Amino acid sequence: MLVGTLIPIAAIIMGGLLLLVPVVGLTVRFALKPALESLGHLRALKLQGQELRLVEQRLALLEEQMRVLSVGARGEVMILPPAPRESAGDLLAGERGIVD
């Protein structure tokens, strides 16, 4: 007796879920899409800020080298060996706290 009533109830529930799951999935997709896009744009802007800092650091190094190469007190040009530089990957790893 109990089995005779459980089978139709299970069939009704599974049939309802068959239609309900895709509807809920599409609803959630369209509801979350704007939020996920805004997070993506925010992340892209953050990366652009890091790239800007790297360019500023490189420009500061070039300005330092130009200052070193400027004319000395006697009119001769002082040429010093270049200082060891960090690569862009090393600079980014240092900002993120990544240590080899």
PDB file of N, CA and C in Angstrom:
ATOM      1  N   MET A   1       0.805  -1.196   0.000  1.00  0.00           N
ATOM      2  CA  MET A   1       0.000   0.000   0.000  1.00  0.00           C
ATOM      3  C   MET A   1       0.854   1.268   0.000  1.00  0.00           C
ATOM      4  N   LEU A   2       1.836   1.274   0.847  1.00  0.00           N
ATOM      5  CA  LEU A   2       2.688   2.445   0.952  1.00  0.00           C
ATOM      6  C   LEU A   2       3.516   2.644  -0.329  1.00  0.00           C
ATOM      7  N   VAL A   3       3.951   1.547  -0.913  1.00  0.00           N
ATOM      8  CA  VAL A   3       4.733   1.626  -2.151  1.00  0.00           C
ATOM      9  C   VAL A   3       3.872   2.171  -3.290  1.00  0.00           C
ATOM     10  N   GLY A   4       2.614   1.827  -3.304  1.00  0.00           N
ATOM     11  CA  GLY A   4       1.708   2.285  -4.352  1.00  0.00           C
ATOM     12  C   GLY A   4       1.517   3.791  -4.334  1.00  0.00           C
ATOM     13  N   THR A   5       1.661   4.450  -3.189  1.00  0.00           N
ATOM     14  CA  THR A   5       1.515   5.904  -3.121  1.00  0.00           C
ATOM     15  C   THR A   5       2.840   6.629  -3.292  1.00  0.00           C
ATOM     16  N   LEU A   6       3.942   5.974  -2.957  1.00  0.00           N
ATOM     17  CA  LEU A   6       5.252   6.630  -3.069  1.00  0.00           C
ATOM     18  C   LEU A   6       5.706   6.774  -4.517  1.00  0.00           C
ATOM     19  N   ILE A   7       5.382   5.825  -5.349  1.00  0.00           N
ATOM     20  CA  ILE A   7       5.827   5.874  -6.747  1.00  0.00           C
ATOM     21  C   ILE A   7       5.227   7.074  -7.481  1.00  0.00           C
ATOM     22  N   PRO A   8       3.926   7.329  -7.380  1.00  0.00           N
ATOM     23  CA  PRO A   8       3.401   8.521  -8.069  1.00  0.00           C
ATOM     24  C   PRO A   8       3.928   9.836  -7.475  1.00  0.00           C
ATOM     25  N   ILE A   9       4.123   9.860  -6.162  1.00  0.00           N
ATOM     26  CA  ILE A   9       4.658  11.084  -5.536  1.00  0.00           C
ATOM     27  C   ILE A   9       6.081  11.334  -6.028  1.00  0.00           C
ATOM     28  N   ALA A  10       6.898  10.294  -6.090  1.00  0.00           N
ATOM     29  CA  ALA A  10       8.266  10.439  -6.588  1.00  0.00           C
ATOM     30  C   ALA A  10       8.261  10.874  -8.050  1.00  0.00           C
ATOM     31  N   ALA A  11       7.355  10.332  -8.839  1.00  0.00           N
ATOM     32  CA  ALA A  11       7.272  10.704 -10.253  1.00  0.00           C
ATOM     33  C   ALA A  11       6.873  12.165 -10.414  1.00  0.00           C
ATOM     34  N   ILE A  12       5.940  12.633  -9.587  1.00  0.00           N
ATOM     35  CA  ILE A  12       5.510  14.042  -9.650  1.00  0.00           C
ATOM     36  C   ILE A  12       6.657  14.966  -9.251  1.00  0.00           C
ATOM     37  N   ILE A  13       7.370  14.606  -8.189  1.00  0.00           N
ATOM     38  CA  ILE A  13       8.494  15.441  -7.731  1.00  0.00           C
ATOM     39  C   ILE A  13       9.588  15.491  -8.794  1.00  0.00           C
ATOM     40  N   MET A  14       9.935  14.335  -9.360  1.00  0.00           N
ATOM     41  CA  MET A  14      10.994  14.311 -10.379  1.00  0.00           C
ATOM     42  C   MET A  14      10.564  15.049 -11.647  1.00  0.00           C
ATOM     43  N   GLY A  15       9.314  14.942 -12.023  1.00  0.00           N
ATOM     44  CA  GLY A  15       8.819  15.684 -13.183  1.00  0.00           C
ATOM     45  C   GLY A  15       8.849  17.181 -12.945  1.00  0.00           C
ATOM     46  N   GLY A  16       8.480  17.595 -11.734  1.00  0.00           N
ATOM     47  CA  GLY A  16       8.534  19.024 -11.398  1.00  0.00           C
ATOM     48  C   GLY A  16       9.956  19.550 -11.395  1.00  0.00           C
ATOM     49  N   LEU A  17      10.895  18.762 -10.853  1.00  0.00           N
ATOM     50  CA  LEU A  17      12.296  19.168 -10.846  1.00  0.00           C
ATOM     51  C   LEU A  17      12.871  19.221 -12.254  1.00  0.00           C
ATOM     52  N   LEU A  18      12.374  18.372 -13.119  1.00  0.00           N
ATOM     53  CA  LEU A  18      12.840  18.362 -14.499  1.00  0.00           C
ATOM     54  C   LEU A  18      12.589  19.717 -15.172  1.00  0.00           C
ATOM     55  N   LEU A  19      11.492  20.346 -14.825  1.00  0.00           N
ATOM     56  CA  LEU A  19      11.181  21.668 -15.379  1.00  0.00           C
ATOM     57  C   LEU A  19      11.753  22.796 -14.517  1.00  0.00           C
ATOM     58  N   LEU A  20      11.820  22.593 -13.221  1.00  0.00           N
ATOM     59  CA  LEU A  20      12.213  23.661 -12.309  1.00  0.00           C
ATOM     60  C   LEU A  20      13.720  23.937 -12.322  1.00  0.00           C
ATOM     61  N   VAL A  21      14.551  22.933 -12.442  1.00  0.00           N
ATOM     62  CA  VAL A  21      16.005  23.112 -12.389  1.00  0.00           C
ATOM     63  C   VAL A  21      16.513  24.011 -13.523  1.00  0.00           C
ATOM     64  N   PRO A  22      16.136  23.812 -14.782  1.00  0.00           N
ATOM     65  CA  PRO A  22      16.614  24.731 -15.825  1.00  0.00           C
ATOM     66  C   PRO A  22      16.122  26.162 -15.632  1.00  0.00           C
ATOM     67  N   VAL A  23      14.875  26.318 -15.156  1.00  0.00           N
ATOM     68  CA  VAL A  23      14.341  27.669 -14.932  1.00  0.00           C
ATOM     69  C   VAL A  23      15.129  28.378 -13.843  1.00  0.00           C
ATOM     70  N   VAL A  24      15.419  27.686 -12.757  1.00  0.00           N
ATOM     71  CA  VAL A  24      16.194  28.284 -11.666  1.00  0.00           C
ATOM     72  C   VAL A  24      17.618  28.574 -12.144  1.00  0.00           C
ATOM     73  N   GLY A  25      18.204  27.673 -12.919  1.00  0.00           N
ATOM     74  CA  GLY A  25      19.554  27.891 -13.431  1.00  0.00           C
ATOM     75  C   GLY A  25      19.652  29.133 -14.300  1.00  0.00           C
ATOM     76  N   LEU A  26      18.711  29.309 -15.209  1.00  0.00           N
ATOM     77  CA  LEU A  26      18.723  30.502 -16.064  1.00  0.00           C
ATOM     78  C   LEU A  26      18.489  31.769 -15.249  1.00  0.00           C
ATOM     79  N   THR A  27      17.598  31.699 -14.274  1.00  0.00           N
ATOM     80  CA  THR A  27      17.331  32.868 -13.427  1.00  0.00           C
ATOM     81  C   THR A  27      18.583  33.283 -12.669  1.00  0.00           C
ATOM     82  N   VAL A  28      19.265  32.322 -12.084  1.00  0.00           N
ATOM     83  CA  VAL A  28      20.486  32.632 -11.332  1.00  0.00           C
ATOM     84  C   VAL A  28      21.564  33.167 -12.270  1.00  0.00           C
ATOM     85  N   ARG A  29      21.660  32.610 -13.461  1.00  0.00           N
ATOM     86  CA  ARG A  29      22.672  33.071 -14.415  1.00  0.00           C
ATOM     87  C   ARG A  29      22.457  34.535 -14.772  1.00  0.00           C
ATOM     88  N   PHE A  30      21.234  34.890 -15.095  1.00  0.00           N
ATOM     89  CA  PHE A  30      20.958  36.274 -15.471  1.00  0.00           C
ATOM     90  C   PHE A  30      21.007  37.212 -14.276  1.00  0.00           C
ATOM     91  N   ALA A  31      20.760  36.708 -13.084  1.00  0.00           N
ATOM     92  CA  ALA A  31      20.837  37.551 -11.894  1.00  0.00           C
ATOM     93  C   ALA A  31      22.289  37.820 -11.501  1.00  0.00           C
ATOM     94  N   LEU A  32      23.176  36.846 -11.659  1.00  0.00           N
ATOM     95  CA  LEU A  32      24.567  37.006 -11.247  1.00  0.00           C
ATOM     96  C   LEU A  32      25.469  37.598 -12.322  1.00  0.00           C
ATOM     97  N   LYS A  33      25.025  37.606 -13.572  1.00  0.00           N
ATOM     98  CA  LYS A  33      25.875  38.074 -14.662  1.00  0.00           C
ATOM     99  C   LYS A  33      26.373  39.515 -14.453  1.00  0.00           C
ATOM    100  N   PRO A  34      25.527  40.481 -14.104  1.00  0.00           N
ATOM    101  CA  PRO A  34      26.041  41.846 -13.913  1.00  0.00           C
ATOM    102  C   PRO A  34      27.049  41.942 -12.768  1.00  0.00           C
ATOM    103  N   ALA A  35      26.814  41.203 -11.694  1.00  0.00           N
ATOM    104  CA  ALA A  35      27.745  41.252 -10.562  1.00  0.00           C
ATOM    105  C   ALA A  35      29.102  40.674 -10.957  1.00  0.00           C
ATOM    106  N   LEU A  36      29.108  39.577 -11.668  1.00  0.00           N
ATOM    107  CA  LEU A  36      30.369  38.966 -12.081  1.00  0.00           C
ATOM    108  C   LEU A  36      31.110  39.829 -13.099  1.00  0.00           C
ATOM    109  N   GLU A  37      30.375  40.492 -13.990  1.00  0.00           N
ATOM    110  CA  GLU A  37      31.023  41.397 -14.942  1.00  0.00           C
ATOM    111  C   GLU A  37      31.663  42.576 -14.227  1.00  0.00           C
ATOM    112  N   SER A  38      30.990  43.136 -13.235  1.00  0.00           N
ATOM    113  CA  SER A  38      31.567  44.259 -12.495  1.00  0.00           C
ATOM    114  C   SER A  38      32.803  43.826 -11.725  1.00  0.00           C
ATOM    115  N   LEU A  39      32.804  42.614 -11.179  1.00  0.00           N
ATOM    116  CA  LEU A  39      34.006  42.115 -10.506  1.00  0.00           C
ATOM    117  C   LEU A  39      35.156  41.940 -11.500  1.00  0.00           C
ATOM    118  N   GLY A  40      34.852  41.499 -12.702  1.00  0.00           N
ATOM    119  CA  GLY A  40      35.879  41.369 -13.732  1.00  0.00           C
ATOM    120  C   GLY A  40      36.482  42.707 -14.121  1.00  0.00           C
ATOM    121  N   HIS A  41      35.642  43.719 -14.262  1.00  0.00           N
ATOM    122  CA  HIS A  41      36.136  45.059 -14.595  1.00  0.00           C
ATOM    123  C   HIS A  41      36.982  45.615 -13.457  1.00  0.00           C
ATOM    124  N   LEU A  42      36.569  45.379 -12.232  1.00  0.00           N
ATOM    125  CA  LEU A  42      37.327  45.849 -11.075  1.00  0.00           C
ATOM    126  C   LEU A  42      38.707  45.205 -11.043  1.00  0.00           C
ATOM    127  N   ARG A  43      38.762  43.923 -11.327  1.00  0.00           N
ATOM    128  CA  ARG A  43      40.043  43.213 -11.342  1.00  0.00           C
ATOM    129  C   ARG A  43      40.938  43.747 -12.463  1.00  0.00           C
ATOM    130  N   ALA A  44      40.355  44.046 -13.621  1.00  0.00           N
ATOM    131  CA  ALA A  44      41.135  44.582 -14.743  1.00  0.00           C
ATOM    132  C   ALA A  44      41.701  45.954 -14.390  1.00  0.00           C
ATOM    133  N   LEU A  45      40.916  46.794 -13.718  1.00  0.00           N
ATOM    134  CA  LEU A  45      41.408  48.107 -13.304  1.00  0.00           C
ATOM    135  C   LEU A  45      42.533  47.972 -12.292  1.00  0.00           C
ATOM    136  N   LYS A  46      42.437  47.000 -11.418  1.00  0.00           N
ATOM    137  CA  LYS A  46      43.486  46.789 -10.428  1.00  0.00           C
ATOM    138  C   LYS A  46      44.790  46.408 -11.112  1.00  0.00           C
ATOM    139  N   LEU A  47      44.719  45.544 -12.135  1.00  0.00           N
ATOM    140  CA  LEU A  47      45.915  45.159 -12.871  1.00  0.00           C
ATOM    141  C   LEU A  47      46.508  46.347 -13.613  1.00  0.00           C
ATOM    142  N   GLN A  48      45.666  47.219 -14.148  1.00  0.00           N
ATOM    143  CA  GLN A  48      46.171  48.401 -14.834  1.00  0.00           C
ATOM    144  C   GLN A  48      46.915  49.293 -13.855  1.00  0.00           C
ATOM    145  N   GLY A  49      46.453  49.369 -12.611  1.00  0.00           N
ATOM    146  CA  GLY A  49      47.140  50.166 -11.593  1.00  0.00           C
ATOM    147  C   GLY A  49      48.516  49.609 -11.297  1.00  0.00           C
ATOM    148  N   GLN A  50      48.641  48.289 -11.234  1.00  0.00           N
ATOM    149  CA  GLN A  50      49.944  47.672 -10.999  1.00  0.00           C
ATOM    150  C   GLN A  50      50.885  47.932 -12.168  1.00  0.00           C
ATOM    151  N   GLU A  51      50.379  47.854 -13.386  1.00  0.00           N
ATOM    152  CA  GLU A  51      51.204  48.123 -14.560  1.00  0.00           C
ATOM    153  C   GLU A  51      51.670  49.576 -14.554  1.00  0.00           C
ATOM    154  N   LEU A  52      50.813  50.492 -14.117  1.00  0.00           N
ATOM    155  CA  LEU A  52      51.179  51.901 -14.051  1.00  0.00           C
ATOM    156  C   LEU A  52      52.304  52.109 -13.044  1.00  0.00           C
ATOM    157  N   ARG A  53      52.219  51.429 -11.892  1.00  0.00           N
ATOM    158  CA  ARG A  53      53.288  51.536 -10.897  1.00  0.00           C
ATOM    159  C   ARG A  53      54.612  50.997 -11.444  1.00  0.00           C
ATOM    160  N   LEU A  54      54.547  49.897 -12.206  1.00  0.00           N
ATOM    161  CA  LEU A  54      55.774  49.353 -12.791  1.00  0.00           C
ATOM    162  C   LEU A  54      56.397  50.331 -13.784  1.00  0.00           C
ATOM    163  N   VAL A  55      55.574  50.964 -14.602  1.00  0.00           N
ATOM    164  CA  VAL A  55      56.083  51.948 -15.570  1.00  0.00           C
ATOM    165  C   VAL A  55      56.687  53.138 -14.828  1.00  0.00           C
ATOM    166  N   GLU A  56      56.055  53.576 -13.744  1.00  0.00           N
ATOM    167  CA  GLU A  56      56.602  54.683 -12.961  1.00  0.00           C
ATOM    168  C   GLU A  56      57.954  54.312 -12.356  1.00  0.00           C
ATOM    169  N   GLN A  57      58.091  53.083 -11.867  1.00  0.00           N
ATOM    170  CA  GLN A  57      59.369  52.645 -11.309  1.00  0.00           C
ATOM    171  C   GLN A  57      60.446  52.590 -12.387  1.00  0.00           C
ATOM    172  N   ARG A  58      60.088  52.100 -13.563  1.00  0.00           N
ATOM    173  CA  ARG A  58      61.062  52.043 -14.653  1.00  0.00           C
ATOM    174  C   ARG A  58      61.486  53.449 -15.061  1.00  0.00           C
ATOM    175  N   LEU A  59      60.540  54.381 -15.106  1.00  0.00           N
ATOM    176  CA  LEU A  59      60.866  55.755 -15.450  1.00  0.00           C
ATOM    177  C   LEU A  59      61.779  56.370 -14.398  1.00  0.00           C
ATOM    178  N   ALA A  60      61.531  56.078 -13.134  1.00  0.00           N
ATOM    179  CA  ALA A  60      62.398  56.583 -12.071  1.00  0.00           C
ATOM    180  C   ALA A  60      63.817  56.031 -12.213  1.00  0.00           C
ATOM    181  N   LEU A  61      63.948  54.746 -12.579  1.00  0.00           N
ATOM    182  CA  LEU A  61      65.278  54.178 -12.811  1.00  0.00           C
ATOM    183  C   LEU A  61      65.983  54.852 -13.983  1.00  0.00           C
ATOM    184  N   LEU A  62      65.243  55.128 -15.051  1.00  0.00           N
ATOM    185  CA  LEU A  62      65.842  55.813 -16.198  1.00  0.00           C
ATOM    186  C   LEU A  62      66.279  57.233 -15.828  1.00  0.00           C
ATOM    187  N   GLU A  63      65.483  57.927 -15.042  1.00  0.00           N
ATOM    188  CA  GLU A  63      65.854  59.268 -14.602  1.00  0.00           C
ATOM    189  C   GLU A  63      67.112  59.220 -13.743  1.00  0.00           C
ATOM    190  N   GLU A  64      67.218  58.209 -12.892  1.00  0.00           N
ATOM    191  CA  GLU A  64      68.413  58.045 -12.062  1.00  0.00           C
ATOM    192  C   GLU A  64      69.641  57.805 -12.936  1.00  0.00           C
ATOM    193  N   GLN A  65      69.508  56.971 -13.955  1.00  0.00           N
ATOM    194  CA  GLN A  65      70.635  56.730 -14.854  1.00  0.00           C
ATOM    195  C   GLN A  65      71.019  57.989 -15.621  1.00  0.00           C
ATOM    196  N   MET A  66      70.030  58.772 -16.032  1.00  0.00           N
ATOM    197  CA  MET A  66      70.335  60.020 -16.733  1.00  0.00           C
ATOM    198  C   MET A  66      71.064  60.992 -15.797  1.00  0.00           C
ATOM    199  N   ARG A  67      70.696  61.015 -14.538  1.00  0.00           N
ATOM    200  CA  ARG A  67      71.364  61.894 -13.573  1.00  0.00           C
ATOM    201  C   ARG A  67      72.813  61.466 -13.392  1.00  0.00           C
ATOM    202  N   VAL A  68      73.053  60.135 -13.330  1.00  0.00           N
ATOM    203  CA  VAL A  68      74.407  59.622 -13.163  1.00  0.00           C
ATOM    204  C   VAL A  68      75.253  59.933 -14.389  1.00  0.00           C
ATOM    205  N   LEU A  69      74.649  59.885 -15.554  1.00  0.00           N
ATOM    206  CA  LEU A  69      75.389  60.154 -16.787  1.00  0.00           C
ATOM    207  C   LEU A  69      75.555  61.642 -17.083  1.00  0.00           C
ATOM    208  N   SER A  70      75.078  62.489 -16.214  1.00  0.00           N
ATOM    209  CA  SER A  70      75.185  63.929 -16.471  1.00  0.00           C
ATOM    210  C   SER A  70      76.636  64.388 -16.371  1.00  0.00           C
ATOM    211  N   VAL A  71      76.863  65.564 -16.805  1.00  0.00           N
ATOM    212  CA  VAL A  71      78.226  66.097 -16.857  1.00  0.00           C
ATOM    213  C   VAL A  71      78.747  66.312 -15.442  1.00  0.00           C
ATOM    214  N   GLY A  72      79.985  65.848 -15.182  1.00  0.00           N
ATOM    215  CA  GLY A  72      80.618  65.982 -13.873  1.00  0.00           C
ATOM    216  C   GLY A  72      81.193  67.372 -13.669  1.00  0.00           C
ATOM    217  N   ALA A  73      81.949  67.548 -12.598  1.00  0.00           N
ATOM    218  CA  ALA A  73      82.498  68.857 -12.236  1.00  0.00           C
ATOM    219  C   ALA A  73      83.539  69.342 -13.244  1.00  0.00           C
ATOM    220  N   ARG A  74      84.293  68.445 -13.864  1.00  0.00           N
ATOM    221  CA  ARG A  74      85.325  68.841 -14.820  1.00  0.00           C
ATOM    222  C   ARG A  74      84.815  68.851 -16.258  1.00  0.00           C
ATOM    223  N   GLY A  75      83.581  68.556 -16.461  1.00  0.00           N
ATOM    224  CA  GLY A  75      83.053  68.557 -17.815  1.00  0.00           C
ATOM    225  C   GLY A  75      83.094  67.200 -18.472  1.00  0.00           C
ATOM    226  N   GLU A  76      83.597  66.177 -17.774  1.00  0.00           N
ATOM    227  CA  GLU A  76      83.618  64.854 -18.373  1.00  0.00           C
ATOM    228  C   GLU A  76      82.346  64.093 -17.995  1.00  0.00           C
ATOM    229  N   VAL A  77      82.025  63.155 -18.790  1.00  0.00           N
ATOM    230  CA  VAL A  77      80.828  62.364 -18.557  1.00  0.00           C
ATOM    231  C   VAL A  77      81.198  61.189 -17.662  1.00  0.00           C
ATOM    232  N   MET A  78      80.465  61.035 -16.581  1.00  0.00           N
ATOM    233  CA  MET A  78      80.702  59.918 -15.670  1.00  0.00           C
ATOM    234  C   MET A  78      79.798  58.765 -16.076  1.00  0.00           C
ATOM    235  N   ILE A  79      80.409  57.649 -16.398  1.00  0.00           N
ATOM    236  CA  ILE A  79      79.630  56.473 -16.772  1.00  0.00           C
ATOM    237  C   ILE A  79      79.853  55.411 -15.704  1.00  0.00           C
ATOM    238  N   LEU A  80      78.805  55.071 -15.019  1.00  0.00           N
ATOM    239  CA  LEU A  80      78.866  54.049 -13.981  1.00  0.00           C
ATOM    240  C   LEU A  80      78.193  52.784 -14.485  1.00  0.00           C
ATOM    241  N   PRO A  81      78.629  51.631 -13.974  1.00  0.00           N
ATOM    242  CA  PRO A  81      77.940  50.403 -14.382  1.00  0.00           C
ATOM    243  C   PRO A  81      76.490  50.441 -13.905  1.00  0.00           C
ATOM    244  N   PRO A  82      75.589  49.862 -14.686  1.00  0.00           N
ATOM    245  CA  PRO A  82      74.180  49.901 -14.286  1.00  0.00           C
ATOM    246  C   PRO A  82      73.945  49.093 -13.015  1.00  0.00           C
ATOM    247  N   ALA A  83      73.048  49.595 -12.208  1.00  0.00           N
ATOM    248  CA  ALA A  83      72.684  48.896 -10.979  1.00  0.00           C
ATOM    249  C   ALA A  83      71.863  47.662 -11.334  1.00  0.00           C
ATOM    250  N   PRO A  84      71.976  46.608 -10.547  1.00  0.00           N
ATOM    251  CA  PRO A  84      71.149  45.421 -10.838  1.00  0.00           C
ATOM    252  C   PRO A  84      69.678  45.772 -10.727  1.00  0.00           C
ATOM    253  N   ARG A  85      68.914  45.330 -11.705  1.00  0.00           N
ATOM    254  CA  ARG A  85      67.484  45.652 -11.744  1.00  0.00           C
ATOM    255  C   ARG A  85      66.666  44.413 -11.472  1.00  0.00           C
ATOM    256  N   GLU A  86      65.492  44.656 -10.984  1.00  0.00           N
ATOM    257  CA  GLU A  86      64.540  43.571 -10.805  1.00  0.00           C
ATOM    258  C   GLU A  86      63.662  43.514 -12.037  1.00  0.00           C
ATOM    259  N   SER A  87      63.295  42.327 -12.442  1.00  0.00           N
ATOM    260  CA  SER A  87      62.395  42.208 -13.578  1.00  0.00           C
ATOM    261  C   SER A  87      60.984  42.559 -13.140  1.00  0.00           C
ATOM    262  N   ALA A  88      60.105  42.765 -14.104  1.00  0.00           N
ATOM    263  CA  ALA A  88      58.717  43.099 -13.790  1.00  0.00           C
ATOM    264  C   ALA A  88      58.058  41.987 -12.995  1.00  0.00           C
ATOM    265  N   GLY A  89      58.400  40.738 -13.304  1.00  0.00           N
ATOM    266  CA  GLY A  89      57.830  39.613 -12.565  1.00  0.00           C
ATOM    267  C   GLY A  89      58.284  39.616 -11.120  1.00  0.00           C
ATOM    268  N   ASP A  90      59.573  39.990 -10.875  1.00  0.00           N
ATOM    269  CA  ASP A  90      60.065  40.059  -9.507  1.00  0.00           C
ATOM    270  C   ASP A  90      59.360  41.162  -8.731  1.00  0.00           C
ATOM    271  N   LEU A  91      59.131  42.297  -9.384  1.00  0.00           N
ATOM    272  CA  LEU A  91      58.440  43.395  -8.717  1.00  0.00           C
ATOM    273  C   LEU A  91      57.019  43.011  -8.352  1.00  0.00           C
ATOM    274  N   LEU A  92      56.312  42.354  -9.279  1.00  0.00           N
ATOM    275  CA  LEU A  92      54.952  41.925  -8.987  1.00  0.00           C
ATOM    276  C   LEU A  92      54.932  40.869  -7.896  1.00  0.00           C
ATOM    277  N   ALA A  93      55.882  39.951  -7.924  1.00  0.00           N
ATOM    278  CA  ALA A  93      55.931  38.917  -6.896  1.00  0.00           C
ATOM    279  C   ALA A  93      56.202  39.544  -5.543  1.00  0.00           C
ATOM    280  N   GLY A  94      57.030  40.573  -5.494  1.00  0.00           N
ATOM    281  CA  GLY A  94      57.312  41.260  -4.227  1.00  0.00           C
ATOM    282  C   GLY A  94      56.089  41.971  -3.691  1.00  0.00           C
ATOM    283  N   GLU A  95      55.297  42.564  -4.578  1.00  0.00           N
ATOM    284  CA  GLU A  95      54.071  43.238  -4.137  1.00  0.00           C
ATOM    285  C   GLU A  95      53.048  42.255  -3.616  1.00  0.00           C
ATOM    286  N   ARG A  96      53.015  41.075  -4.197  1.00  0.00           N
ATOM    287  CA  ARG A  96      52.021  40.085  -3.784  1.00  0.00           C
ATOM    288  C   ARG A  96      52.520  39.226  -2.624  1.00  0.00           C
ATOM    289  N   GLY A  97      53.773  39.395  -2.227  1.00  0.00           N
ATOM    290  CA  GLY A  97      54.303  38.632  -1.109  1.00  0.00           C
ATOM    291  C   GLY A  97      54.719  37.226  -1.491  1.00  0.00           C
ATOM    292  N   ILE A  98      54.991  36.991  -2.778  1.00  0.00           N
ATOM    293  CA  ILE A  98      55.397  35.666  -3.235  1.00  0.00           C
ATOM    294  C   ILE A  98      56.913  35.582  -3.129  1.00  0.00           C
ATOM    295  N   VAL A  99      57.394  34.583  -2.443  1.00  0.00           N
ATOM    296  CA  VAL A  99      58.836  34.406  -2.271  1.00  0.00           C
ATOM    297  C   VAL A  99      59.210  33.037  -2.818  1.00  0.00           C
ATOM    298  N   ASP A 100      60.295  33.004  -3.595  1.00  0.00           N
ATOM    299  CA  ASP A 100      60.750  31.714  -4.138  1.00  0.00           C
ATOM    300  C   ASP A 100      61.420  30.893  -3.069  1.00  0.00           C
TER     301      ASP A 100
END
